[in-house]
Amino acid sequence: MGQCWRSSACSTRATQNWPDWFAPDVIEFANRKEGAFLESFVITQDEDIVAVPTPGHSIGHLSIIVHSAKAVISGDAVFNQETLEKEIPAYILPNKEGKRSVKLLNQYIRESGYTLLSSHDETVPQLLKKVNR
């Protein structure tokens, strides 16, 4: 099982600027398959919202799957649908994890038919209209 976003190597650096009241829980991914992903973390009791590991852009990066909306919130894993289809990761330094994450995201989107919502895609407002139908 892997940690979502925090490791001993980066935890001090990552947390030093957090306000005192901010104390997020560490997600431990379980050996629970979610489509193309071998690990996942169920966020809601009804299993509607699930986190999957998509490291590469940053250590512990994750994406969120919302089944009821048929959407995947990929954060910074890819820039948009085009870079997903071409399997071009959005990262600062090239690494194998980023390429693997984007390959898994692409496979998940293709197999599920879900809508990709990435943080740098300027078409997200239009995509949200599609998701909200």
N, C-alpha and C. Protein backbone atom coordinates (compact mmCIF):
# COMPACT_ATOMS: atom_id res chain seq x y z
N MET A 1 0.84 -1.18 0.00
CA MET A 1 0.00 0.00 0.00
C MET A 1 0.89 1.24 0.00
N GLY A 2 0.53 2.22 -0.81
CA GLY A 2 1.34 3.42 -0.92
C GLY A 2 0.68 4.63 -0.28
N GLN A 3 1.51 5.55 0.19
CA GLN A 3 0.97 6.78 0.73
C GLN A 3 0.62 7.72 -0.39
N CYS A 4 -0.40 8.48 -0.16
CA CYS A 4 -0.91 9.38 -1.17
C CYS A 4 0.00 10.56 -1.43
N TRP A 5 0.29 11.36 -0.46
CA TRP A 5 0.95 12.62 -0.77
C TRP A 5 2.12 12.95 0.14
N ARG A 6 2.37 12.14 1.12
CA ARG A 6 3.40 12.54 2.07
C ARG A 6 4.37 11.40 2.34
N SER A 7 5.63 11.68 2.25
CA SER A 7 6.65 10.72 2.63
C SER A 7 7.60 11.41 3.59
N SER A 8 8.40 10.66 4.29
CA SER A 8 9.31 11.27 5.26
C SER A 8 10.28 12.23 4.59
N ALA A 9 10.60 11.97 3.34
CA ALA A 9 11.56 12.83 2.63
C ALA A 9 11.00 14.21 2.33
N CYS A 10 9.69 14.31 2.18
CA CYS A 10 9.14 15.61 1.78
C CYS A 10 8.17 16.19 2.80
N SER A 11 7.81 15.46 3.84
CA SER A 11 6.76 15.92 4.74
C SER A 11 7.10 17.23 5.44
N THR A 12 8.32 17.41 5.90
CA THR A 12 8.69 18.64 6.59
C THR A 12 8.64 19.82 5.64
N ARG A 13 9.21 19.66 4.47
CA ARG A 13 9.19 20.72 3.47
C ARG A 13 7.77 21.08 3.07
N ALA A 14 6.96 20.07 2.86
CA ALA A 14 5.59 20.29 2.39
C ALA A 14 4.72 20.94 3.44
N THR A 15 4.96 20.66 4.70
CA THR A 15 4.06 21.12 5.75
C THR A 15 4.52 22.38 6.48
N GLN A 16 5.73 22.84 6.25
CA GLN A 16 6.26 23.94 7.04
C GLN A 16 5.47 25.24 6.90
N ASN A 17 4.78 25.45 5.80
CA ASN A 17 4.02 26.69 5.60
C ASN A 17 2.52 26.53 5.83
N TRP A 18 2.10 25.37 6.30
CA TRP A 18 0.68 25.16 6.55
C TRP A 18 0.25 25.88 7.82
N PRO A 19 -0.97 26.41 7.84
CA PRO A 19 -1.47 27.00 9.09
C PRO A 19 -1.61 25.92 10.17
N ASP A 20 -1.53 26.29 11.42
CA ASP A 20 -1.60 25.34 12.53
C ASP A 20 -2.86 24.50 12.51
N TRP A 21 -3.98 25.08 12.08
CA TRP A 21 -5.27 24.37 12.10
C TRP A 21 -5.39 23.35 10.98
N PHE A 22 -4.53 23.39 9.99
CA PHE A 22 -4.64 22.50 8.83
C PHE A 22 -3.95 21.18 9.12
N ALA A 23 -4.73 20.12 9.25
CA ALA A 23 -4.18 18.80 9.59
C ALA A 23 -4.86 17.72 8.75
N PRO A 24 -4.51 17.62 7.47
CA PRO A 24 -5.16 16.62 6.61
C PRO A 24 -4.75 15.20 7.00
N ASP A 25 -5.62 14.27 6.67
CA ASP A 25 -5.31 12.86 6.88
C ASP A 25 -4.46 12.35 5.73
N VAL A 26 -3.60 11.41 6.04
CA VAL A 26 -2.80 10.75 5.02
C VAL A 26 -3.64 9.62 4.44
N ILE A 27 -3.72 9.56 3.14
CA ILE A 27 -4.47 8.50 2.47
C ILE A 27 -3.55 7.31 2.25
N GLU A 28 -3.99 6.16 2.64
CA GLU A 28 -3.27 4.91 2.37
C GLU A 28 -4.07 4.17 1.29
N PHE A 29 -3.52 4.10 0.11
CA PHE A 29 -4.19 3.38 -0.96
C PHE A 29 -4.24 1.89 -0.62
N ALA A 30 -5.38 1.27 -0.91
CA ALA A 30 -5.56 -0.16 -0.66
C ALA A 30 -5.44 -0.92 -1.97
N ASN A 31 -5.19 -2.20 -1.86
CA ASN A 31 -5.15 -3.06 -3.05
C ASN A 31 -6.59 -3.29 -3.51
N ARG A 32 -7.23 -2.22 -3.95
CA ARG A 32 -8.61 -2.23 -4.42
C ARG A 32 -8.60 -1.71 -5.85
N LYS A 33 -8.89 -2.57 -6.77
CA LYS A 33 -8.85 -2.21 -8.20
C LYS A 33 -9.97 -1.22 -8.52
N GLU A 34 -9.62 -0.21 -9.31
CA GLU A 34 -10.58 0.77 -9.81
C GLU A 34 -10.28 0.94 -11.29
N GLY A 35 -10.95 0.14 -12.12
CA GLY A 35 -10.66 0.16 -13.55
C GLY A 35 -9.22 -0.23 -13.80
N ALA A 36 -8.49 0.62 -14.51
CA ALA A 36 -7.08 0.35 -14.85
C ALA A 36 -6.15 0.47 -13.65
N PHE A 37 -6.60 1.09 -12.58
CA PHE A 37 -5.76 1.33 -11.41
C PHE A 37 -5.82 0.14 -10.45
N LEU A 38 -4.66 -0.33 -10.01
CA LEU A 38 -4.59 -1.47 -9.11
C LEU A 38 -4.84 -1.09 -7.66
N GLU A 39 -4.65 0.20 -7.34
CA GLU A 39 -4.87 0.69 -5.99
C GLU A 39 -5.87 1.84 -6.03
N SER A 40 -6.61 2.00 -4.94
CA SER A 40 -7.52 3.12 -4.82
C SER A 40 -7.85 3.36 -3.36
N PHE A 41 -8.54 4.45 -3.10
CA PHE A 41 -8.99 4.79 -1.76
C PHE A 41 -10.41 5.31 -1.89
N VAL A 42 -11.35 4.62 -1.24
CA VAL A 42 -12.75 5.02 -1.28
C VAL A 42 -12.95 6.18 -0.32
N ILE A 43 -13.48 7.29 -0.83
CA ILE A 43 -13.65 8.49 -0.01
C ILE A 43 -15.04 8.53 0.63
N THR A 44 -16.07 8.16 -0.13
CA THR A 44 -17.43 8.19 0.41
C THR A 44 -17.94 6.78 0.67
N GLN A 45 -18.82 6.64 1.66
CA GLN A 45 -19.34 5.32 2.04
C GLN A 45 -20.03 4.61 0.87
N ASP A 46 -20.69 5.38 0.01
CA ASP A 46 -21.39 4.75 -1.12
C ASP A 46 -20.47 4.43 -2.29
N GLU A 47 -19.16 4.68 -2.11
CA GLU A 47 -18.13 4.41 -3.11
C GLU A 47 -18.30 5.24 -4.38
N ASP A 48 -19.03 6.36 -4.27
CA ASP A 48 -19.22 7.24 -5.42
C ASP A 48 -17.95 8.02 -5.74
N ILE A 49 -17.21 8.40 -4.72
CA ILE A 49 -16.00 9.19 -4.91
C ILE A 49 -14.79 8.37 -4.46
N VAL A 50 -13.85 8.22 -5.39
CA VAL A 50 -12.69 7.35 -5.17
C VAL A 50 -11.43 8.09 -5.60
N ALA A 51 -10.37 7.96 -4.81
CA ALA A 51 -9.07 8.52 -5.17
C ALA A 51 -8.20 7.42 -5.77
N VAL A 52 -7.44 7.77 -6.80
CA VAL A 52 -6.49 6.83 -7.40
C VAL A 52 -5.12 7.52 -7.48
N PRO A 53 -4.05 6.76 -7.31
CA PRO A 53 -2.72 7.37 -7.34
C PRO A 53 -2.30 7.73 -8.77
N THR A 54 -1.89 8.97 -8.96
CA THR A 54 -1.36 9.42 -10.25
C THR A 54 -0.09 10.23 -10.03
N PRO A 55 0.93 9.61 -9.42
CA PRO A 55 2.17 10.34 -9.17
C PRO A 55 2.88 10.68 -10.47
N GLY A 56 3.74 11.66 -10.39
CA GLY A 56 4.52 12.05 -11.56
C GLY A 56 4.66 13.55 -11.61
N HIS A 57 3.54 14.26 -11.62
CA HIS A 57 3.62 15.72 -11.59
C HIS A 57 4.27 16.16 -10.28
N SER A 58 3.89 15.47 -9.23
CA SER A 58 4.47 15.71 -7.92
C SER A 58 4.41 14.40 -7.14
N ILE A 59 5.18 14.33 -6.08
CA ILE A 59 5.16 13.14 -5.23
C ILE A 59 3.77 13.00 -4.64
N GLY A 60 3.19 11.84 -4.77
CA GLY A 60 1.89 11.58 -4.16
C GLY A 60 0.70 12.21 -4.85
N HIS A 61 0.86 12.73 -6.06
CA HIS A 61 -0.28 13.30 -6.78
C HIS A 61 -1.37 12.25 -6.90
N LEU A 62 -2.62 12.68 -6.82
CA LEU A 62 -3.73 11.75 -6.98
C LEU A 62 -4.80 12.37 -7.85
N SER A 63 -5.67 11.53 -8.36
CA SER A 63 -6.82 11.97 -9.13
C SER A 63 -8.07 11.45 -8.44
N ILE A 64 -9.17 12.14 -8.67
CA ILE A 64 -10.44 11.80 -8.02
C ILE A 64 -11.45 11.36 -9.07
N ILE A 65 -12.07 10.22 -8.84
CA ILE A 65 -13.12 9.71 -9.72
C ILE A 65 -14.46 9.94 -9.02
N VAL A 66 -15.39 10.56 -9.75
CA VAL A 66 -16.73 10.80 -9.22
C VAL A 66 -17.69 10.02 -10.13
N HIS A 67 -18.10 8.86 -9.64
CA HIS A 67 -18.92 7.97 -10.47
C HIS A 67 -20.26 8.58 -10.85
N SER A 68 -20.93 9.25 -9.92
CA SER A 68 -22.26 9.81 -10.22
C SER A 68 -22.19 10.88 -11.30
N ALA A 69 -21.07 11.55 -11.42
CA ALA A 69 -20.88 12.58 -12.46
C ALA A 69 -20.19 12.02 -13.69
N LYS A 70 -19.75 10.76 -13.61
CA LYS A 70 -19.00 10.15 -14.70
C LYS A 70 -17.83 11.04 -15.11
N ALA A 71 -17.05 11.44 -14.08
CA ALA A 71 -15.95 12.36 -14.29
C ALA A 71 -14.71 11.92 -13.52
N VAL A 72 -13.55 12.30 -14.08
CA VAL A 72 -12.27 12.09 -13.41
C VAL A 72 -11.61 13.46 -13.27
N ILE A 73 -11.37 13.87 -12.04
CA ILE A 73 -10.68 15.13 -11.77
C ILE A 73 -9.19 14.78 -11.65
N SER A 74 -8.44 15.14 -12.68
CA SER A 74 -7.05 14.68 -12.76
C SER A 74 -6.04 15.66 -12.21
N GLY A 75 -6.50 16.80 -11.73
CA GLY A 75 -5.55 17.78 -11.18
C GLY A 75 -4.52 18.17 -12.21
N ASP A 76 -3.25 18.01 -11.86
CA ASP A 76 -2.15 18.39 -12.74
C ASP A 76 -1.50 17.22 -13.47
N ALA A 77 -2.15 16.07 -13.49
CA ALA A 77 -1.55 14.90 -14.15
C ALA A 77 -1.38 15.14 -15.66
N VAL A 78 -2.36 15.79 -16.27
CA VAL A 78 -2.29 16.15 -17.69
C VAL A 78 -2.88 17.54 -17.86
N PHE A 79 -2.58 18.19 -18.98
CA PHE A 79 -3.11 19.53 -19.21
C PHE A 79 -4.53 19.52 -19.73
N ASN A 80 -4.85 18.58 -20.60
CA ASN A 80 -6.18 18.55 -21.21
C ASN A 80 -6.40 17.20 -21.90
N GLN A 81 -7.53 17.07 -22.58
CA GLN A 81 -7.87 15.81 -23.25
C GLN A 81 -6.85 15.44 -24.31
N GLU A 82 -6.35 16.43 -25.04
CA GLU A 82 -5.37 16.15 -26.10
C GLU A 82 -4.08 15.55 -25.53
N THR A 83 -3.57 16.13 -24.45
CA THR A 83 -2.34 15.59 -23.87
C THR A 83 -2.60 14.23 -23.21
N LEU A 84 -3.83 14.00 -22.76
CA LEU A 84 -4.17 12.68 -22.24
C LEU A 84 -4.12 11.64 -23.35
N GLU A 85 -4.79 11.94 -24.46
CA GLU A 85 -4.84 10.98 -25.58
C GLU A 85 -3.46 10.70 -26.16
N LYS A 86 -2.59 11.71 -26.14
CA LYS A 86 -1.22 11.53 -26.63
C LYS A 86 -0.31 10.98 -25.52
N GLU A 87 -0.88 10.81 -24.34
CA GLU A 87 -0.17 10.31 -23.16
C GLU A 87 1.07 11.13 -22.84
N ILE A 88 0.86 12.45 -22.81
CA ILE A 88 1.92 13.40 -22.46
C ILE A 88 1.65 13.89 -21.04
N PRO A 89 2.46 13.47 -20.07
CA PRO A 89 2.25 13.92 -18.69
C PRO A 89 2.60 15.38 -18.49
N ALA A 90 1.98 15.98 -17.49
CA ALA A 90 2.31 17.35 -17.10
C ALA A 90 3.20 17.28 -15.88
N TYR A 91 4.51 17.38 -16.09
CA TYR A 91 5.44 17.33 -14.97
C TYR A 91 6.59 18.28 -15.20
N ILE A 92 7.26 18.56 -14.13
CA ILE A 92 8.39 19.47 -14.20
C ILE A 92 9.64 18.73 -14.67
N LEU A 93 9.88 17.56 -14.09
CA LEU A 93 11.01 16.73 -14.48
C LEU A 93 10.49 15.41 -15.04
N PRO A 94 10.98 14.97 -16.17
CA PRO A 94 10.52 13.70 -16.74
C PRO A 94 10.74 12.54 -15.76
N ASN A 95 9.75 11.68 -15.64
CA ASN A 95 9.88 10.53 -14.76
C ASN A 95 8.93 9.42 -15.22
N LYS A 96 9.26 8.20 -14.86
CA LYS A 96 8.47 7.04 -15.26
C LYS A 96 7.10 7.03 -14.63
N GLU A 97 6.99 7.53 -13.39
CA GLU A 97 5.70 7.53 -12.70
C GLU A 97 4.68 8.38 -13.44
N GLY A 98 5.10 9.54 -13.94
CA GLY A 98 4.19 10.42 -14.67
C GLY A 98 3.68 9.75 -15.94
N LYS A 99 4.56 9.11 -16.67
CA LYS A 99 4.16 8.43 -17.90
C LYS A 99 3.19 7.29 -17.59
N ARG A 100 3.49 6.52 -16.55
CA ARG A 100 2.62 5.41 -16.16
C ARG A 100 1.25 5.93 -15.71
N SER A 101 1.24 7.00 -14.93
CA SER A 101 -0.02 7.57 -14.45
C SER A 101 -0.91 8.02 -15.59
N VAL A 102 -0.31 8.70 -16.57
CA VAL A 102 -1.10 9.19 -17.70
C VAL A 102 -1.61 8.03 -18.55
N LYS A 103 -0.81 7.00 -18.71
CA LYS A 103 -1.24 5.81 -19.44
C LYS A 103 -2.47 5.18 -18.75
N LEU A 104 -2.42 5.08 -17.42
CA LEU A 104 -3.54 4.51 -16.67
C LEU A 104 -4.77 5.41 -16.74
N LEU A 105 -4.56 6.73 -16.62
CA LEU A 105 -5.69 7.67 -16.75
C LEU A 105 -6.35 7.55 -18.12
N ASN A 106 -5.52 7.51 -19.16
CA ASN A 106 -6.04 7.39 -20.52
C ASN A 106 -6.85 6.10 -20.69
N GLN A 107 -6.32 5.01 -20.17
CA GLN A 107 -7.03 3.73 -20.25
C GLN A 107 -8.35 3.81 -19.48
N TYR A 108 -8.33 4.40 -18.30
CA TYR A 108 -9.55 4.51 -17.50
C TYR A 108 -10.61 5.33 -18.24
N ILE A 109 -10.21 6.47 -18.78
CA ILE A 109 -11.16 7.35 -19.50
C ILE A 109 -11.73 6.62 -20.72
N ARG A 110 -10.88 5.95 -21.48
CA ARG A 110 -11.36 5.24 -22.67
C ARG A 110 -12.34 4.13 -22.29
N GLU A 111 -12.00 3.34 -21.27
CA GLU A 111 -12.84 2.21 -20.90
C GLU A 111 -14.14 2.63 -20.21
N SER A 112 -14.10 3.70 -19.43
CA SER A 112 -15.28 4.12 -18.67
C SER A 112 -16.17 5.09 -19.44
N GLY A 113 -15.57 5.84 -20.36
CA GLY A 113 -16.32 6.87 -21.06
C GLY A 113 -16.53 8.12 -20.20
N TYR A 114 -15.83 8.20 -19.07
CA TYR A 114 -15.97 9.34 -18.17
C TYR A 114 -15.32 10.58 -18.79
N THR A 115 -15.70 11.75 -18.28
CA THR A 115 -15.16 13.02 -18.73
C THR A 115 -13.94 13.39 -17.91
N LEU A 116 -12.88 13.82 -18.58
CA LEU A 116 -11.66 14.27 -17.92
C LEU A 116 -11.83 15.74 -17.55
N LEU A 117 -11.56 16.05 -16.28
CA LEU A 117 -11.54 17.44 -15.81
C LEU A 117 -10.14 17.68 -15.24
N SER A 118 -9.32 18.41 -16.00
CA SER A 118 -7.96 18.68 -15.52
C SER A 118 -7.85 20.16 -15.14
N SER A 119 -6.91 20.45 -14.30
CA SER A 119 -6.84 21.80 -13.73
C SER A 119 -6.35 22.87 -14.71
N HIS A 120 -5.76 22.50 -15.83
CA HIS A 120 -5.25 23.49 -16.79
C HIS A 120 -6.05 23.55 -18.08
N ASP A 121 -7.15 22.83 -18.15
CA ASP A 121 -7.94 22.77 -19.38
C ASP A 121 -8.94 23.92 -19.41
N GLU A 122 -8.77 24.81 -20.38
CA GLU A 122 -9.65 25.98 -20.46
C GLU A 122 -11.07 25.61 -20.89
N THR A 123 -11.30 24.38 -21.32
CA THR A 123 -12.65 23.97 -21.71
C THR A 123 -13.44 23.34 -20.55
N VAL A 124 -12.86 23.31 -19.35
CA VAL A 124 -13.54 22.70 -18.20
C VAL A 124 -14.94 23.29 -17.96
N PRO A 125 -15.16 24.61 -18.08
CA PRO A 125 -16.53 25.11 -17.87
C PRO A 125 -17.55 24.45 -18.81
N GLN A 126 -17.18 24.24 -20.07
CA GLN A 126 -18.08 23.56 -21.00
C GLN A 126 -18.22 22.09 -20.64
N LEU A 127 -17.13 21.47 -20.22
CA LEU A 127 -17.17 20.06 -19.83
C LEU A 127 -18.04 19.86 -18.59
N LEU A 128 -18.02 20.82 -17.68
CA LEU A 128 -18.85 20.73 -16.47
C LEU A 128 -20.34 20.73 -16.83
N LYS A 129 -20.70 21.46 -17.86
CA LYS A 129 -22.11 21.45 -18.31
C LYS A 129 -22.49 20.05 -18.77
N LYS A 130 -21.57 19.38 -19.46
CA LYS A 130 -21.80 18.02 -19.91
C LYS A 130 -21.94 17.06 -18.73
N VAL A 131 -21.06 17.24 -17.74
CA VAL A 131 -21.06 16.38 -16.55
C VAL A 131 -22.34 16.59 -15.74
N ASN A 132 -22.84 17.81 -15.67
CA ASN A 132 -24.00 18.13 -14.85
C ASN A 132 -25.34 17.77 -15.48
N ARG A 133 -25.33 17.15 -16.64
CA ARG A 133 -26.60 16.77 -17.27
C ARG A 133 -27.22 15.58 -16.59
